[in-house]
Amino acid sequence: MGQQQLQQLSQELQQIQEEIEELEADVEAIQQQKTETDEAIDAIETLETDSTVQVPLGGGAYLRATVEDIDEVIVELGADYAGEFEQDDAVDALENKKENLDDRIDEVNSEIAELESESTELEQQAQQLQQQAMQQQMQQMGQGQGDE
């Protein structure tokens, strides 16, 4: 019985650890989005009409281009939507995006903390079961010696 419970606890602990690792990867991905958003804000604030920029085409290829109008910035809004903004409004939209990313990071970190707490409880249960099993073995050994 105790061995079966230990095995079940071990499996639950492994699942929790895998979930934690996935959530930590999510946090890293969200942090990367924040970094890219910061870079976009810096670029929008720095660039002017007629500035020359390198536009990524994908696959590591870039094209040199001239900014025709800095007040025509297209910003992804989420859910496959984008909007065209003037320079300052584009920065505001990106700042809002960063706030949403911060909120998401907080949510994921809370989930991680809950899972870590659950993991600690399961580890304590496993230790108790192991101690009980050791005590039972010691008692059985002691009884076995007394019979001789």
N, C-alpha and C. Protein backbone atom coordinates (compact mmCIF):
# COMPACT_ATOMS: atom_id res chain seq x y z
N MET A 1 0.83 -1.20 0.00
CA MET A 1 0.00 0.00 0.00
C MET A 1 0.87 1.26 0.00
N GLY A 2 1.84 1.35 0.93
CA GLY A 2 2.70 2.51 1.04
C GLY A 2 3.52 2.73 -0.21
N GLN A 3 4.03 1.64 -0.80
CA GLN A 3 4.85 1.74 -2.01
C GLN A 3 4.02 2.30 -3.16
N GLN A 4 2.76 1.86 -3.26
CA GLN A 4 1.87 2.33 -4.32
C GLN A 4 1.59 3.83 -4.15
N GLN A 5 1.37 4.25 -2.92
CA GLN A 5 1.14 5.68 -2.66
C GLN A 5 2.38 6.50 -3.01
N LEU A 6 3.56 5.96 -2.66
CA LEU A 6 4.81 6.66 -2.98
C LEU A 6 4.98 6.81 -4.49
N GLN A 7 4.66 5.76 -5.22
CA GLN A 7 4.78 5.80 -6.67
C GLN A 7 3.81 6.84 -7.25
N GLN A 8 2.59 6.88 -6.71
CA GLN A 8 1.60 7.85 -7.19
C GLN A 8 2.07 9.28 -6.89
N LEU A 9 2.59 9.49 -5.68
CA LEU A 9 3.10 10.82 -5.31
C LEU A 9 4.26 11.21 -6.23
N SER A 10 5.12 10.26 -6.53
CA SER A 10 6.26 10.52 -7.40
C SER A 10 5.79 10.95 -8.79
N GLN A 11 4.77 10.28 -9.30
CA GLN A 11 4.22 10.64 -10.62
C GLN A 11 3.60 12.04 -10.58
N GLU A 12 2.86 12.34 -9.51
CA GLU A 12 2.25 13.66 -9.38
C GLU A 12 3.33 14.74 -9.32
N LEU A 13 4.40 14.47 -8.55
CA LEU A 13 5.50 15.43 -8.45
C LEU A 13 6.15 15.67 -9.81
N GLN A 14 6.31 14.61 -10.58
CA GLN A 14 6.92 14.74 -11.90
C GLN A 14 6.02 15.58 -12.82
N GLN A 15 4.71 15.35 -12.76
CA GLN A 15 3.78 16.13 -13.58
C GLN A 15 3.84 17.60 -13.20
N ILE A 16 3.87 17.88 -11.91
CA ILE A 16 3.93 19.26 -11.44
C ILE A 16 5.22 19.92 -11.93
N GLN A 17 6.34 19.19 -11.84
CA GLN A 17 7.62 19.74 -12.28
C GLN A 17 7.58 20.07 -13.77
N GLU A 18 6.95 19.19 -14.56
CA GLU A 18 6.84 19.44 -16.00
C GLU A 18 5.98 20.68 -16.26
N GLU A 19 4.88 20.82 -15.50
CA GLU A 19 4.02 22.01 -15.65
C GLU A 19 4.81 23.28 -15.31
N ILE A 20 5.59 23.21 -14.22
CA ILE A 20 6.39 24.38 -13.80
C ILE A 20 7.36 24.75 -14.91
N GLU A 21 8.02 23.75 -15.50
CA GLU A 21 8.99 24.03 -16.57
C GLU A 21 8.30 24.67 -17.78
N GLU A 22 7.10 24.19 -18.12
CA GLU A 22 6.35 24.78 -19.24
C GLU A 22 5.99 26.23 -18.94
N LEU A 23 5.54 26.49 -17.70
CA LEU A 23 5.16 27.85 -17.32
C LEU A 23 6.38 28.77 -17.31
N GLU A 24 7.53 28.25 -16.85
CA GLU A 24 8.75 29.06 -16.85
C GLU A 24 9.15 29.41 -18.29
N ALA A 25 8.94 28.46 -19.21
CA ALA A 25 9.21 28.73 -20.63
C ALA A 25 8.25 29.80 -21.15
N ASP A 26 6.99 29.76 -20.68
CA ASP A 26 6.02 30.79 -21.06
C ASP A 26 6.49 32.17 -20.59
N VAL A 27 6.98 32.24 -19.35
CA VAL A 27 7.46 33.52 -18.80
C VAL A 27 8.62 34.04 -19.66
N GLU A 28 9.54 33.15 -20.05
CA GLU A 28 10.66 33.57 -20.90
C GLU A 28 10.16 34.12 -22.23
N ALA A 29 9.16 33.44 -22.82
CA ALA A 29 8.62 33.89 -24.10
C ALA A 29 7.94 35.26 -23.95
N ILE A 30 7.23 35.46 -22.86
CA ILE A 30 6.56 36.74 -22.62
C ILE A 30 7.61 37.83 -22.39
N GLN A 31 8.68 37.49 -21.66
CA GLN A 31 9.77 38.46 -21.44
C GLN A 31 10.39 38.86 -22.78
N GLN A 32 10.52 37.89 -23.70
CA GLN A 32 11.07 38.18 -25.03
C GLN A 32 10.15 39.15 -25.77
N GLN A 33 8.83 38.94 -25.65
CA GLN A 33 7.87 39.86 -26.28
C GLN A 33 8.03 41.27 -25.69
N LYS A 34 8.24 41.34 -24.37
CA LYS A 34 8.44 42.65 -23.73
C LYS A 34 9.68 43.33 -24.28
N THR A 35 10.77 42.57 -24.43
CA THR A 35 12.01 43.12 -24.96
C THR A 35 11.79 43.65 -26.37
N GLU A 36 11.10 42.87 -27.20
CA GLU A 36 10.82 43.31 -28.57
C GLU A 36 9.93 44.55 -28.57
N THR A 37 8.99 44.62 -27.65
CA THR A 37 8.10 45.78 -27.55
C THR A 37 8.90 47.01 -27.14
N ASP A 38 9.83 46.84 -26.18
CA ASP A 38 10.71 47.95 -25.78
C ASP A 38 11.53 48.45 -26.97
N GLU A 39 12.05 47.50 -27.75
CA GLU A 39 12.85 47.89 -28.92
C GLU A 39 11.99 48.66 -29.93
N ALA A 40 10.73 48.23 -30.10
CA ALA A 40 9.83 48.94 -31.02
C ALA A 40 9.54 50.35 -30.52
N ILE A 41 9.32 50.48 -29.20
CA ILE A 41 9.06 51.81 -28.62
C ILE A 41 10.26 52.71 -28.85
N ASP A 42 11.47 52.18 -28.57
CA ASP A 42 12.69 52.98 -28.79
C ASP A 42 12.80 53.43 -30.24
N ALA A 43 12.51 52.51 -31.17
CA ALA A 43 12.61 52.84 -32.59
C ALA A 43 11.60 53.92 -32.98
N ILE A 44 10.36 53.76 -32.52
CA ILE A 44 9.31 54.73 -32.88
C ILE A 44 9.65 56.11 -32.33
N GLU A 45 10.17 56.14 -31.10
CA GLU A 45 10.50 57.43 -30.48
C GLU A 45 11.72 58.08 -31.14
N THR A 46 12.61 57.25 -31.70
CA THR A 46 13.85 57.76 -32.28
C THR A 46 13.70 58.15 -33.74
N LEU A 47 12.92 57.36 -34.47
CA LEU A 47 12.81 57.57 -35.91
C LEU A 47 12.02 58.82 -36.26
N GLU A 48 12.33 59.35 -37.41
CA GLU A 48 11.61 60.50 -37.95
C GLU A 48 11.24 60.18 -39.39
N THR A 49 10.33 60.97 -39.93
CA THR A 49 10.02 60.83 -41.35
C THR A 49 11.30 61.01 -42.14
N ASP A 50 11.50 60.19 -43.15
CA ASP A 50 12.69 60.16 -44.01
C ASP A 50 13.90 59.46 -43.39
N SER A 51 13.73 58.85 -42.17
CA SER A 51 14.82 58.05 -41.61
C SER A 51 15.01 56.80 -42.45
N THR A 52 16.24 56.31 -42.51
CA THR A 52 16.54 55.07 -43.23
C THR A 52 16.59 53.94 -42.20
N VAL A 53 15.90 52.87 -42.51
CA VAL A 53 15.84 51.72 -41.60
C VAL A 53 16.11 50.43 -42.37
N GLN A 54 16.41 49.38 -41.62
CA GLN A 54 16.53 48.05 -42.21
C GLN A 54 15.28 47.27 -41.83
N VAL A 55 14.56 46.81 -42.83
CA VAL A 55 13.30 46.11 -42.60
C VAL A 55 13.55 44.61 -42.73
N PRO A 56 13.24 43.83 -41.68
CA PRO A 56 13.44 42.38 -41.77
C PRO A 56 12.42 41.75 -42.74
N LEU A 57 12.94 40.91 -43.63
CA LEU A 57 12.07 40.22 -44.59
C LEU A 57 11.81 38.78 -44.16
N GLY A 58 12.53 38.33 -43.13
CA GLY A 58 12.44 36.94 -42.69
C GLY A 58 13.64 36.16 -43.21
N GLY A 59 13.95 35.07 -42.53
CA GLY A 59 15.06 34.24 -42.96
C GLY A 59 16.40 34.93 -42.83
N GLY A 60 16.48 35.98 -42.02
CA GLY A 60 17.74 36.68 -41.82
C GLY A 60 18.05 37.69 -42.92
N ALA A 61 17.09 37.96 -43.81
CA ALA A 61 17.30 38.94 -44.88
C ALA A 61 16.66 40.28 -44.49
N TYR A 62 17.34 41.37 -44.87
CA TYR A 62 16.86 42.72 -44.57
C TYR A 62 16.88 43.55 -45.84
N LEU A 63 16.04 44.58 -45.81
CA LEU A 63 15.97 45.51 -46.93
C LEU A 63 16.10 46.92 -46.37
N ARG A 64 16.89 47.76 -47.00
CA ARG A 64 17.02 49.15 -46.56
C ARG A 64 15.80 49.91 -47.09
N ALA A 65 15.17 50.69 -46.20
CA ALA A 65 13.97 51.44 -46.61
C ALA A 65 13.97 52.80 -45.92
N THR A 66 13.20 53.70 -46.46
CA THR A 66 13.06 55.04 -45.89
C THR A 66 11.67 55.16 -45.30
N VAL A 67 11.61 55.71 -44.07
CA VAL A 67 10.31 55.91 -43.42
C VAL A 67 9.59 57.03 -44.16
N GLU A 68 8.47 56.68 -44.73
CA GLU A 68 7.71 57.67 -45.51
C GLU A 68 6.98 58.65 -44.60
N ASP A 69 6.36 58.08 -43.51
CA ASP A 69 5.62 58.94 -42.59
C ASP A 69 5.60 58.27 -41.22
N ILE A 70 6.29 58.86 -40.24
CA ILE A 70 6.39 58.27 -38.90
C ILE A 70 5.02 58.28 -38.19
N ASP A 71 4.07 59.06 -38.69
CA ASP A 71 2.74 59.08 -38.08
C ASP A 71 1.80 58.06 -38.72
N GLU A 72 2.37 57.05 -39.35
CA GLU A 72 1.58 55.94 -39.87
C GLU A 72 2.22 54.64 -39.38
N VAL A 73 2.14 54.42 -38.06
CA VAL A 73 2.73 53.23 -37.44
C VAL A 73 1.64 52.20 -37.25
N ILE A 74 1.87 51.00 -37.76
CA ILE A 74 0.89 49.92 -37.59
C ILE A 74 1.35 49.04 -36.43
N VAL A 75 0.45 48.88 -35.46
CA VAL A 75 0.77 48.13 -34.25
C VAL A 75 -0.20 46.96 -34.12
N GLU A 76 0.37 45.76 -33.87
CA GLU A 76 -0.47 44.60 -33.60
C GLU A 76 -1.19 44.82 -32.27
N LEU A 77 -2.50 44.56 -32.29
CA LEU A 77 -3.30 44.77 -31.09
C LEU A 77 -3.65 43.45 -30.40
N GLY A 78 -3.40 42.35 -31.08
CA GLY A 78 -3.74 41.03 -30.54
C GLY A 78 -4.92 40.45 -31.29
N ALA A 79 -5.12 39.16 -31.14
CA ALA A 79 -6.21 38.44 -31.81
C ALA A 79 -6.24 38.71 -33.31
N ASP A 80 -5.05 38.77 -33.92
CA ASP A 80 -4.90 39.00 -35.36
C ASP A 80 -5.42 40.36 -35.84
N TYR A 81 -5.48 41.34 -34.95
CA TYR A 81 -5.89 42.69 -35.32
C TYR A 81 -4.69 43.63 -35.20
N ALA A 82 -4.69 44.65 -36.03
CA ALA A 82 -3.66 45.68 -35.97
C ALA A 82 -4.34 47.03 -36.20
N GLY A 83 -3.69 48.07 -35.73
CA GLY A 83 -4.25 49.41 -35.93
C GLY A 83 -3.16 50.36 -36.36
N GLU A 84 -3.56 51.38 -37.10
CA GLU A 84 -2.61 52.40 -37.54
C GLU A 84 -2.68 53.57 -36.56
N PHE A 85 -1.51 54.02 -36.10
CA PHE A 85 -1.44 55.07 -35.10
C PHE A 85 -0.43 56.13 -35.50
N GLU A 86 -0.64 57.33 -34.95
CA GLU A 86 0.38 58.36 -35.04
C GLU A 86 1.49 57.96 -34.07
N GLN A 87 2.62 58.59 -34.19
CA GLN A 87 3.82 58.21 -33.44
C GLN A 87 3.54 58.07 -31.93
N ASP A 88 3.01 59.12 -31.28
CA ASP A 88 2.79 59.08 -29.83
C ASP A 88 1.75 58.03 -29.45
N ASP A 89 0.69 57.92 -30.26
CA ASP A 89 -0.36 56.94 -29.98
C ASP A 89 0.17 55.51 -30.14
N ALA A 90 1.10 55.32 -31.08
CA ALA A 90 1.70 54.00 -31.27
C ALA A 90 2.50 53.62 -30.03
N VAL A 91 3.24 54.58 -29.49
CA VAL A 91 4.01 54.33 -28.26
C VAL A 91 3.05 53.97 -27.13
N ASP A 92 1.94 54.71 -27.00
CA ASP A 92 0.95 54.42 -25.95
C ASP A 92 0.39 53.00 -26.12
N ALA A 93 0.08 52.64 -27.35
CA ALA A 93 -0.47 51.30 -27.61
C ALA A 93 0.54 50.22 -27.21
N LEU A 94 1.80 50.46 -27.51
CA LEU A 94 2.84 49.49 -27.14
C LEU A 94 3.07 49.46 -25.63
N GLU A 95 2.96 50.61 -24.98
CA GLU A 95 3.08 50.64 -23.51
C GLU A 95 1.95 49.83 -22.88
N ASN A 96 0.72 49.97 -23.43
CA ASN A 96 -0.40 49.17 -22.94
C ASN A 96 -0.15 47.68 -23.14
N LYS A 97 0.44 47.36 -24.27
CA LYS A 97 0.78 45.97 -24.57
C LYS A 97 1.76 45.44 -23.52
N LYS A 98 2.75 46.28 -23.18
CA LYS A 98 3.73 45.87 -22.15
C LYS A 98 3.06 45.65 -20.80
N GLU A 99 2.11 46.51 -20.45
CA GLU A 99 1.39 46.34 -19.18
C GLU A 99 0.63 45.01 -19.17
N ASN A 100 0.01 44.69 -20.29
CA ASN A 100 -0.70 43.41 -20.40
C ASN A 100 0.27 42.24 -20.28
N LEU A 101 1.45 42.39 -20.86
CA LEU A 101 2.46 41.33 -20.75
C LEU A 101 2.93 41.19 -19.30
N ASP A 102 3.09 42.33 -18.61
CA ASP A 102 3.46 42.28 -17.19
C ASP A 102 2.39 41.56 -16.37
N ASP A 103 1.12 41.86 -16.66
CA ASP A 103 0.01 41.20 -15.95
C ASP A 103 0.06 39.70 -16.20
N ARG A 104 0.33 39.33 -17.45
CA ARG A 104 0.40 37.90 -17.79
C ARG A 104 1.56 37.22 -17.07
N ILE A 105 2.70 37.90 -16.99
CA ILE A 105 3.85 37.35 -16.26
C ILE A 105 3.48 37.13 -14.80
N ASP A 106 2.79 38.11 -14.19
CA ASP A 106 2.36 37.98 -12.79
C ASP A 106 1.44 36.77 -12.62
N GLU A 107 0.50 36.59 -13.56
CA GLU A 107 -0.42 35.45 -13.49
C GLU A 107 0.33 34.13 -13.57
N VAL A 108 1.24 34.04 -14.51
CA VAL A 108 1.99 32.79 -14.70
C VAL A 108 2.88 32.53 -13.48
N ASN A 109 3.52 33.58 -12.95
CA ASN A 109 4.35 33.41 -11.75
C ASN A 109 3.52 32.95 -10.55
N SER A 110 2.27 33.43 -10.46
CA SER A 110 1.37 32.97 -9.40
C SER A 110 1.06 31.49 -9.56
N GLU A 111 0.82 31.07 -10.81
CA GLU A 111 0.57 29.65 -11.08
C GLU A 111 1.78 28.82 -10.68
N ILE A 112 2.97 29.31 -11.01
CA ILE A 112 4.21 28.60 -10.66
C ILE A 112 4.31 28.48 -9.14
N ALA A 113 4.04 29.56 -8.41
CA ALA A 113 4.13 29.55 -6.95
C ALA A 113 3.15 28.53 -6.35
N GLU A 114 1.93 28.48 -6.90
CA GLU A 114 0.94 27.51 -6.42
C GLU A 114 1.42 26.08 -6.65
N LEU A 115 1.97 25.83 -7.84
CA LEU A 115 2.47 24.49 -8.15
C LEU A 115 3.66 24.13 -7.27
N GLU A 116 4.53 25.09 -7.00
CA GLU A 116 5.68 24.82 -6.13
C GLU A 116 5.21 24.50 -4.71
N SER A 117 4.19 25.19 -4.25
CA SER A 117 3.62 24.93 -2.92
C SER A 117 3.02 23.52 -2.88
N GLU A 118 2.28 23.18 -3.92
CA GLU A 118 1.68 21.84 -4.02
C GLU A 118 2.78 20.78 -4.05
N SER A 119 3.84 21.06 -4.77
CA SER A 119 4.97 20.14 -4.87
C SER A 119 5.60 19.91 -3.50
N THR A 120 5.78 20.99 -2.74
CA THR A 120 6.36 20.89 -1.40
C THR A 120 5.49 20.01 -0.50
N GLU A 121 4.17 20.20 -0.57
CA GLU A 121 3.25 19.38 0.23
C GLU A 121 3.36 17.90 -0.14
N LEU A 122 3.42 17.63 -1.43
CA LEU A 122 3.53 16.23 -1.88
C LEU A 122 4.86 15.62 -1.45
N GLU A 123 5.93 16.41 -1.50
CA GLU A 123 7.24 15.91 -1.05
C GLU A 123 7.20 15.57 0.43
N GLN A 124 6.52 16.40 1.22
CA GLN A 124 6.39 16.12 2.66
C GLN A 124 5.59 14.84 2.89
N GLN A 125 4.51 14.67 2.12
CA GLN A 125 3.72 13.43 2.23
C GLN A 125 4.58 12.22 1.89
N ALA A 126 5.38 12.34 0.85
CA ALA A 126 6.25 11.23 0.43
C ALA A 126 7.26 10.90 1.52
N GLN A 127 7.83 11.93 2.15
CA GLN A 127 8.79 11.70 3.24
C GLN A 127 8.12 10.98 4.41
N GLN A 128 6.89 11.41 4.74
CA GLN A 128 6.16 10.76 5.84
C GLN A 128 5.91 9.29 5.52
N LEU A 129 5.50 9.01 4.28
CA LEU A 129 5.25 7.62 3.89
C LEU A 129 6.53 6.79 3.97
N GLN A 130 7.65 7.39 3.54
CA GLN A 130 8.92 6.67 3.61
C GLN A 130 9.31 6.38 5.06
N GLN A 131 9.10 7.38 5.93
CA GLN A 131 9.43 7.18 7.34
C GLN A 131 8.55 6.09 7.96
N GLN A 132 7.27 6.10 7.61
CA GLN A 132 6.36 5.07 8.13
C GLN A 132 6.78 3.68 7.65
N ALA A 133 7.17 3.60 6.38
CA ALA A 133 7.61 2.32 5.82
C ALA A 133 8.87 1.84 6.53
N MET A 134 9.80 2.76 6.82
CA MET A 134 11.03 2.40 7.53
C MET A 134 10.72 1.91 8.94
N GLN A 135 9.80 2.61 9.61
CA GLN A 135 9.43 2.21 10.97
C GLN A 135 8.79 0.82 10.98
N GLN A 136 7.94 0.56 9.99
CA GLN A 136 7.30 -0.75 9.91
C GLN A 136 8.35 -1.83 9.67
N GLN A 137 9.31 -1.54 8.80
CA GLN A 137 10.37 -2.52 8.54
C GLN A 137 11.18 -2.79 9.80
N MET A 138 11.48 -1.73 10.54
CA MET A 138 12.26 -1.88 11.78
C MET A 138 11.48 -2.72 12.79
N GLN A 139 10.17 -2.45 12.90
CA GLN A 139 9.34 -3.21 13.82
C GLN A 139 9.29 -4.68 13.42
N GLN A 140 9.14 -4.92 12.11
CA GLN A 140 9.09 -6.31 11.64
C GLN A 140 10.42 -7.02 11.88
N MET A 141 11.51 -6.30 11.68
CA MET A 141 12.83 -6.89 11.94
C MET A 141 12.99 -7.21 13.43
N GLY A 142 12.52 -6.29 14.26
CA GLY A 142 12.61 -6.48 15.71
C GLY A 142 11.77 -7.67 16.15
N GLN A 143 10.59 -7.83 15.59
CA GLN A 143 9.74 -8.97 15.93
C GLN A 143 10.35 -10.28 15.44
N GLY A 144 10.95 -10.22 14.28
CA GLY A 144 11.57 -11.41 13.70
C GLY A 144 12.73 -11.91 14.57
N GLN A 145 13.49 -10.99 15.16
CA GLN A 145 14.63 -11.38 16.00
C GLN A 145 14.14 -11.95 17.32
N GLY A 146 13.06 -11.45 17.81
CA GLY A 146 12.52 -11.91 19.10
C GLY A 146 11.98 -13.33 19.02
N ASP A 147 11.63 -13.81 17.85
CA ASP A 147 11.05 -15.13 17.67
C ASP A 147 12.10 -16.24 17.73
N GLU A 148 13.36 -15.89 17.59
CA GLU A 148 14.39 -16.92 17.51
C GLU A 148 14.61 -17.61 18.80
